[in-house]
Amino acid sequence: MFHSNCNALSFSTDGLTICSGNVDGNLCGISRQESCLVKSPRIHLLSHLSLSLSRNGNVVLTSSRDNSHNLFDIRSLEICGTFRATGSRVASNWSRSCISPDDNYIAAGSADGSIYIWSISKADIVTTLKEHTSPILCCTWSGLGKPLASSDKNGVICTWT
């Protein structure tokens, strides 16, 4: 039972745990086997909008209305990286960011139509992609690593190789 509205859900890779990002800024994990709830410390100042689980299942990317993207280690229950960029603003309550299939990069769209890509290991922006003319609502990588696809508020979908 959650005492805050849930904005985002993501299954663990083994399907045994469900992560929930909530309006109150907390991240919760529910074990399907043990029927238990693990609640993280508050990891965002404002509500969660998006969750993306790493392929290895150890880290979840959370994005929030506070315009930050946090990597949260599920094993230690600690933030292991925070990603922000000048000019990068989450476009809407339905915006979705993602982790690359090799767990090396983060992609997140912005209200200005840009897509920011960060290196997780360097904690720095690798590139900014600019082709859209309206706010980016979601990004997703192919399971093979390329291409990256993005969609904007006007319904335009771009692929990036």
C-alpha atoms as a PDB file:
ATOM      1  CA  MET A   1       0.000   0.000   0.000  1.00  0.00           C
ATOM      2  CA  PHE A   2       1.429   3.370  -1.034  1.00  0.00           C
ATOM      3  CA  HIS A   3       0.595   6.604   0.706  1.00  0.00           C
ATOM      4  CA  SER A   4       1.604   8.633  -2.337  1.00  0.00           C
ATOM      5  CA  ASN A   5       0.411   8.454  -5.925  1.00  0.00           C
ATOM      6  CA  CYS A   6       2.569   6.357  -8.217  1.00  0.00           C
ATOM      7  CA  ASN A   7       3.795   8.031 -11.419  1.00  0.00           C
ATOM      8  CA  ALA A   8       6.105   5.330 -12.799  1.00  0.00           C
ATOM      9  CA  LEU A   9       6.628   1.562 -12.550  1.00  0.00           C
ATOM     10  CA  SER A  10       9.410  -0.751 -13.668  1.00  0.00           C
ATOM     11  CA  PHE A  11       9.921  -4.500 -13.211  1.00  0.00           C
ATOM     12  CA  SER A  12      13.318  -5.882 -12.252  1.00  0.00           C
ATOM     13  CA  THR A  13      14.971  -7.988 -14.941  1.00  0.00           C
ATOM     14  CA  ASP A  14      14.077 -11.191 -13.075  1.00  0.00           C
ATOM     15  CA  GLY A  15      10.452 -10.072 -12.714  1.00  0.00           C
ATOM     16  CA  LEU A  16      10.507 -10.534  -8.943  1.00  0.00           C
ATOM     17  CA  THR A  17      10.567  -6.882  -7.886  1.00  0.00           C
ATOM     18  CA  ILE A  18       8.508  -3.898  -8.966  1.00  0.00           C
ATOM     19  CA  CYS A  19      10.003  -0.418  -8.528  1.00  0.00           C
ATOM     20  CA  SER A  20       7.598   2.456  -8.043  1.00  0.00           C
ATOM     21  CA  GLY A  21       8.393   6.167  -8.428  1.00  0.00           C
ATOM     22  CA  ASN A  22       5.985   8.282  -6.431  1.00  0.00           C
ATOM     23  CA  VAL A  23       4.686  11.846  -6.311  1.00  0.00           C
ATOM     24  CA  ASP A  24       6.356  12.398  -2.922  1.00  0.00           C
ATOM     25  CA  GLY A  25       9.825  11.866  -4.479  1.00  0.00           C
ATOM     26  CA  ASN A  26      10.347   8.431  -2.937  1.00  0.00           C
ATOM     27  CA  LEU A  27      11.254   5.238  -4.726  1.00  0.00           C
ATOM     28  CA  CYS A  28       9.710   2.007  -3.473  1.00  0.00           C
ATOM     29  CA  GLY A  29      10.472  -1.602  -4.263  1.00  0.00           C
ATOM     30  CA  ILE A  30       7.959  -4.379  -3.826  1.00  0.00           C
ATOM     31  CA  SER A  31       9.148  -7.983  -3.711  1.00  0.00           C
ATOM     32  CA  ARG A  32       6.587 -10.237  -5.370  1.00  0.00           C
ATOM     33  CA  GLN A  33       7.957 -13.318  -3.563  1.00  0.00           C
ATOM     34  CA  GLU A  34       8.071 -11.959  -0.047  1.00  0.00           C
ATOM     35  CA  SER A  35       5.221  -9.437  -0.265  1.00  0.00           C
ATOM     36  CA  CYS A  36       7.416  -6.808   1.329  1.00  0.00           C
ATOM     37  CA  LEU A  37       7.914  -3.140   0.611  1.00  0.00           C
ATOM     38  CA  VAL A  38      11.277  -1.385   0.670  1.00  0.00           C
ATOM     39  CA  LYS A  39      11.097   2.399   0.651  1.00  0.00           C
ATOM     40  CA  SER A  40      14.161   4.422  -0.278  1.00  0.00           C
ATOM     41  CA  PRO A  41      15.144   7.697   1.284  1.00  0.00           C
ATOM     42  CA  ARG A  42      13.646  10.604  -0.650  1.00  0.00           C
ATOM     43  CA  ILE A  43      15.734  10.871  -3.807  1.00  0.00           C
ATOM     44  CA  HIS A  44      14.019  13.782  -5.576  1.00  0.00           C
ATOM     45  CA  LEU A  45      12.686  17.107  -4.326  1.00  0.00           C
ATOM     46  CA  LEU A  46       9.652  16.835  -6.590  1.00  0.00           C
ATOM     47  CA  SER A  47       7.649  13.936  -8.003  1.00  0.00           C
ATOM     48  CA  HIS A  48       9.107  11.051 -10.001  1.00  0.00           C
ATOM     49  CA  LEU A  49       8.108  10.974 -13.646  1.00  0.00           C
ATOM     50  CA  SER A  50      10.107   8.140 -15.112  1.00  0.00           C
ATOM     51  CA  LEU A  51      11.912   4.938 -14.114  1.00  0.00           C
ATOM     52  CA  SER A  52      14.312   2.964 -16.279  1.00  0.00           C
ATOM     53  CA  LEU A  53      15.993  -0.146 -14.914  1.00  0.00           C
ATOM     54  CA  SER A  54      19.532  -0.999 -15.991  1.00  0.00           C
ATOM     55  CA  ARG A  55      20.009  -4.228 -17.884  1.00  0.00           C
ATOM     56  CA  ASN A  56      22.031  -5.720 -15.014  1.00  0.00           C
ATOM     57  CA  GLY A  57      19.118  -4.914 -12.699  1.00  0.00           C
ATOM     58  CA  ASN A  58      21.236  -3.212 -10.041  1.00  0.00           C
ATOM     59  CA  VAL A  59      20.492   0.422 -10.850  1.00  0.00           C
ATOM     60  CA  VAL A  60      17.353   2.362 -11.681  1.00  0.00           C
ATOM     61  CA  LEU A  61      17.326   5.727 -13.469  1.00  0.00           C
ATOM     62  CA  THR A  62      14.771   8.117 -12.016  1.00  0.00           C
ATOM     63  CA  SER A  63      13.753  11.419 -13.584  1.00  0.00           C
ATOM     64  CA  SER A  64      11.840  14.127 -11.805  1.00  0.00           C
ATOM     65  CA  ARG A  65      10.125  17.469 -12.142  1.00  0.00           C
ATOM     66  CA  ASP A  66      13.129  18.899 -10.273  1.00  0.00           C
ATOM     67  CA  ASN A  67      14.953  18.518 -13.652  1.00  0.00           C
ATOM     68  CA  SER A  68      17.392  15.948 -12.306  1.00  0.00           C
ATOM     69  CA  HIS A  69      18.039  12.374 -13.370  1.00  0.00           C
ATOM     70  CA  ASN A  70      19.328  10.143 -10.566  1.00  0.00           C
ATOM     71  CA  LEU A  71      20.886   6.710 -10.720  1.00  0.00           C
ATOM     72  CA  PHE A  72      19.820   4.765  -7.668  1.00  0.00           C
ATOM     73  CA  ASP A  73      21.605   1.580  -6.581  1.00  0.00           C
ATOM     74  CA  ILE A  74      18.919  -0.899  -5.563  1.00  0.00           C
ATOM     75  CA  ARG A  75      21.360  -2.994  -3.507  1.00  0.00           C
ATOM     76  CA  SER A  76      22.776  -0.207  -1.322  1.00  0.00           C
ATOM     77  CA  LEU A  77      19.661   2.031  -1.441  1.00  0.00           C
ATOM     78  CA  GLU A  78      21.859   5.017  -2.329  1.00  0.00           C
ATOM     79  CA  ILE A  79      22.067   7.537  -5.155  1.00  0.00           C
ATOM     80  CA  CYS A  80      25.159   6.671  -7.205  1.00  0.00           C
ATOM     81  CA  GLY A  81      24.907   9.509  -9.721  1.00  0.00           C
ATOM     82  CA  THR A  82      22.979  12.703 -10.436  1.00  0.00           C
ATOM     83  CA  PHE A  83      22.740  14.145 -13.937  1.00  0.00           C
ATOM     84  CA  ARG A  84      21.683  17.704 -14.805  1.00  0.00           C
ATOM     85  CA  ALA A  85      22.444  20.113 -17.621  1.00  0.00           C
ATOM     86  CA  THR A  86      22.044  23.843 -18.027  1.00  0.00           C
ATOM     87  CA  GLY A  87      18.990  24.349 -20.204  1.00  0.00           C
ATOM     88  CA  SER A  88      17.682  20.824 -19.696  1.00  0.00           C
ATOM     89  CA  ARG A  89      14.132  20.944 -18.350  1.00  0.00           C
ATOM     90  CA  VAL A  90      11.798  17.981 -18.075  1.00  0.00           C
ATOM     91  CA  ALA A  91       9.029  18.653 -20.593  1.00  0.00           C
ATOM     92  CA  SER A  92       5.981  17.152 -18.886  1.00  0.00           C
ATOM     93  CA  ASN A  93       4.666  14.772 -16.260  1.00  0.00           C
ATOM     94  CA  TRP A  94       4.785  12.073 -18.960  1.00  0.00           C
ATOM     95  CA  SER A  95       8.426  12.529 -19.968  1.00  0.00           C
ATOM     96  CA  ARG A  96      10.494   9.325 -20.125  1.00  0.00           C
ATOM     97  CA  SER A  97      14.273   9.007 -19.959  1.00  0.00           C
ATOM     98  CA  CYS A  98      16.300   5.825 -20.457  1.00  0.00           C
ATOM     99  CA  ILE A  99      19.528   3.920 -19.851  1.00  0.00           C
ATOM    100  CA  SER A 100      21.403   2.456 -22.816  1.00  0.00           C
ATOM    101  CA  PRO A 101      21.413  -1.353 -23.124  1.00  0.00           C
ATOM    102  CA  ASP A 102      25.134  -1.473 -22.250  1.00  0.00           C
ATOM    103  CA  ASP A 103      24.395   0.524 -19.053  1.00  0.00           C
ATOM    104  CA  ASN A 104      26.941   3.201 -20.088  1.00  0.00           C
ATOM    105  CA  TYR A 105      24.717   6.141 -21.078  1.00  0.00           C
ATOM    106  CA  ILE A 106      21.603   8.045 -20.074  1.00  0.00           C
ATOM    107  CA  ALA A 107      19.330   9.828 -22.548  1.00  0.00           C
ATOM    108  CA  ALA A 108      16.741  12.400 -21.517  1.00  0.00           C
ATOM    109  CA  GLY A 109      14.673  14.827 -23.540  1.00  0.00           C
ATOM    110  CA  SER A 110      14.101  18.454 -22.695  1.00  0.00           C
ATOM    111  CA  ALA A 111      11.362  21.052 -23.049  1.00  0.00           C
ATOM    112  CA  ASP A 112      13.537  22.911 -25.602  1.00  0.00           C
ATOM    113  CA  GLY A 113      13.446  19.934 -28.014  1.00  0.00           C
ATOM    114  CA  SER A 114      16.985  18.761 -27.230  1.00  0.00           C
ATOM    115  CA  ILE A 115      18.053  15.288 -26.147  1.00  0.00           C
ATOM    116  CA  TYR A 116      20.878  15.185 -23.633  1.00  0.00           C
ATOM    117  CA  ILE A 117      23.126  12.131 -23.465  1.00  0.00           C
ATOM    118  CA  TRP A 118      25.379  11.615 -20.459  1.00  0.00           C
ATOM    119  CA  SER A 119      28.198   9.131 -19.907  1.00  0.00           C
ATOM    120  CA  ILE A 120      27.442   7.330 -16.652  1.00  0.00           C
ATOM    121  CA  SER A 121      31.110   6.628 -15.845  1.00  0.00           C
ATOM    122  CA  LYS A 122      32.255  10.199 -16.563  1.00  0.00           C
ATOM    123  CA  ALA A 123      29.081  11.837 -15.170  1.00  0.00           C
ATOM    124  CA  ASP A 124      29.284  14.319 -18.040  1.00  0.00           C
ATOM    125  CA  ILE A 125      27.357  15.201 -21.184  1.00  0.00           C
ATOM    126  CA  VAL A 126      28.637  13.324 -24.235  1.00  0.00           C
ATOM    127  CA  THR A 127      26.393  15.046 -26.764  1.00  0.00           C
ATOM    128  CA  THR A 128      23.225  17.052 -27.209  1.00  0.00           C
ATOM    129  CA  LEU A 129      20.979  16.033 -30.100  1.00  0.00           C
ATOM    130  CA  LYS A 130      18.917  18.760 -31.749  1.00  0.00           C
ATOM    131  CA  GLU A 131      16.414  17.967 -34.464  1.00  0.00           C
ATOM    132  CA  HIS A 132      13.052  18.322 -32.746  1.00  0.00           C
ATOM    133  CA  THR A 133      11.185  21.631 -32.655  1.00  0.00           C
ATOM    134  CA  SER A 134       8.921  20.845 -29.701  1.00  0.00           C
ATOM    135  CA  PRO A 135       9.376  19.348 -26.203  1.00  0.00           C
ATOM    136  CA  ILE A 136      10.692  15.777 -26.030  1.00  0.00           C
ATOM    137  CA  LEU A 137       8.345  13.349 -24.291  1.00  0.00           C
ATOM    138  CA  CYS A 138      10.318  10.116 -24.456  1.00  0.00           C
ATOM    139  CA  CYS A 139      13.542   8.425 -25.461  1.00  0.00           C
ATOM    140  CA  THR A 140      14.331   4.738 -25.849  1.00  0.00           C
ATOM    141  CA  TRP A 141      17.297   2.750 -27.084  1.00  0.00           C
ATOM    142  CA  SER A 142      17.014  -0.322 -29.242  1.00  0.00           C
ATOM    143  CA  GLY A 143      17.935  -3.454 -27.325  1.00  0.00           C
ATOM    144  CA  LEU A 144      20.966  -3.704 -29.613  1.00  0.00           C
ATOM    145  CA  GLY A 145      22.263  -0.294 -28.490  1.00  0.00           C
ATOM    146  CA  LYS A 146      21.516   1.593 -31.705  1.00  0.00           C
ATOM    147  CA  PRO A 147      19.485   3.400 -32.717  1.00  0.00           C
ATOM    148  CA  LEU A 148      18.118   5.728 -30.065  1.00  0.00           C
ATOM    149  CA  ALA A 149      14.566   6.878 -30.778  1.00  0.00           C
ATOM    150  CA  SER A 150      12.861  10.002 -29.460  1.00  0.00           C
ATOM    151  CA  SER A 151       9.393  11.462 -29.762  1.00  0.00           C
ATOM    152  CA  ASP A 152       8.156  14.982 -29.201  1.00  0.00           C
ATOM    153  CA  LYS A 153       4.925  16.683 -28.228  1.00  0.00           C
ATOM    154  CA  ASN A 154       3.932  17.141 -31.895  1.00  0.00           C
ATOM    155  CA  GLY A 155       4.172  13.390 -32.544  1.00  0.00           C
ATOM    156  CA  VAL A 156       7.441  13.559 -34.478  1.00  0.00           C
ATOM    157  CA  ILE A 157       9.659  10.501 -33.983  1.00  0.00           C
ATOM    158  CA  CYS A 158      13.392  10.674 -34.730  1.00  0.00           C
ATOM    159  CA  THR A 159      15.956   7.888 -34.761  1.00  0.00           C
ATOM    160  CA  TRP A 160      19.602   8.565 -33.971  1.00  0.00           C
ATOM    161  CA  THR A 161      22.508   6.295 -34.941  1.00  0.00           C
END
